[in-house]
Amino acid sequence: MFDLSRFDLSLFEDSAGRAASLLRNLANERRLMILCQLVDGEMSVGALQPRVGLSQSALSQHLALLREEGVVATRREGQS
């Protein structure tokens, strides 16, 4: 049974707010397509772009939202 004497409403609201934000971002079909492509491992933006059918700027915007939510991470690889 749930012990209401230890229930912290502010903590619960904060967690629910973060979960709602994450679910809103995942509800976008393009972002889901991006995640489906990344499920097997990392991929460069250049390799990802033709697979999801987005311009580089649109793809970057979607990836930025996913990064903000902590769903994806970036790794810069320099050219030398």
Protein backbone atom coordinates (compact mmCIF):
# COMPACT_ATOMS: atom_id res chain seq x y z
CA MET A 1 0.00 0.00 0.00
CA PHE A 2 1.15 3.57 -0.69
CA ASP A 3 2.32 5.46 2.43
CA LEU A 4 0.77 8.94 2.12
CA SER A 5 2.63 10.23 5.18
CA ARG A 6 5.84 10.22 3.13
CA PHE A 7 4.31 11.57 -0.06
CA ASP A 8 6.10 14.71 -1.30
CA LEU A 9 3.74 16.52 -3.68
CA SER A 10 6.36 18.98 -4.95
CA LEU A 11 8.77 16.17 -5.81
CA PHE A 12 5.97 14.25 -7.49
CA GLU A 13 4.91 17.33 -9.52
CA ASP A 14 8.51 17.96 -10.60
CA SER A 15 8.94 14.35 -11.73
CA ALA A 16 5.59 14.39 -13.53
CA GLY A 17 6.54 17.63 -15.27
CA ARG A 18 9.83 16.19 -16.51
CA ALA A 19 8.10 13.02 -17.69
CA ALA A 20 5.44 15.04 -19.53
CA SER A 21 8.12 17.12 -21.26
CA LEU A 22 9.96 13.99 -22.36
CA LEU A 23 6.77 12.37 -23.65
CA ARG A 24 5.83 15.53 -25.58
CA ASN A 25 9.21 15.46 -27.32
CA LEU A 26 8.94 11.76 -28.08
CA ALA A 27 5.42 12.19 -29.49
CA ASN A 28 6.87 13.75 -32.66
CA GLU A 29 7.05 11.22 -35.50
CA ARG A 30 10.30 12.67 -36.91
CA ARG A 31 12.03 12.41 -33.55
CA LEU A 32 10.81 8.82 -33.22
CA MET A 33 12.24 8.08 -36.68
CA ILE A 34 15.57 9.56 -35.57
CA LEU A 35 15.60 7.43 -32.42
CA CYS A 36 14.74 4.29 -34.39
CA GLN A 37 17.79 4.90 -36.58
CA LEU A 38 20.00 5.38 -33.52
CA VAL A 39 18.80 2.33 -31.59
CA ASP A 40 21.73 0.19 -32.82
CA GLY A 41 24.41 2.79 -32.16
CA GLU A 42 25.74 6.22 -32.89
CA MET A 43 25.55 7.80 -36.31
CA SER A 44 26.82 11.04 -37.77
CA VAL A 45 24.35 13.74 -38.76
CA GLY A 46 25.45 13.29 -42.38
CA ALA A 47 24.64 9.56 -42.28
CA LEU A 48 21.40 10.12 -40.40
CA GLN A 49 20.04 12.86 -42.66
CA PRO A 50 19.09 10.76 -45.74
CA ARG A 51 17.64 8.01 -43.55
CA VAL A 52 15.09 10.31 -41.95
CA GLY A 53 14.45 12.61 -44.92
CA LEU A 54 15.09 15.91 -43.16
CA SER A 55 17.22 18.88 -44.09
CA GLN A 56 20.36 19.31 -42.02
CA SER A 57 18.89 22.30 -40.19
CA ALA A 58 15.62 20.49 -39.36
CA LEU A 59 17.52 17.41 -38.20
CA SER A 60 19.78 19.56 -36.03
CA GLN A 61 16.76 21.19 -34.40
CA HIS A 62 15.19 17.82 -33.60
CA LEU A 63 18.50 16.50 -32.24
CA ALA A 64 18.87 19.62 -30.07
CA LEU A 65 15.49 18.93 -28.45
CA LEU A 66 16.44 15.30 -27.86
CA ARG A 67 19.77 16.41 -26.36
CA GLU A 68 18.00 18.84 -24.01
CA GLU A 69 15.87 15.95 -22.74
CA GLY A 70 18.96 13.77 -22.28
CA VAL A 71 17.76 11.22 -24.84
CA VAL A 72 20.78 11.56 -27.15
CA ALA A 73 24.30 12.84 -26.65
CA THR A 74 26.76 14.42 -29.03
CA ARG A 75 30.33 13.56 -29.72
CA ARG A 76 32.41 15.86 -31.82
CA GLU A 77 34.94 14.30 -34.11
CA GLY A 78 37.44 16.67 -35.64
CA GLN A 79 38.86 16.42 -39.12
CA SER A 80 42.61 16.59 -39.47
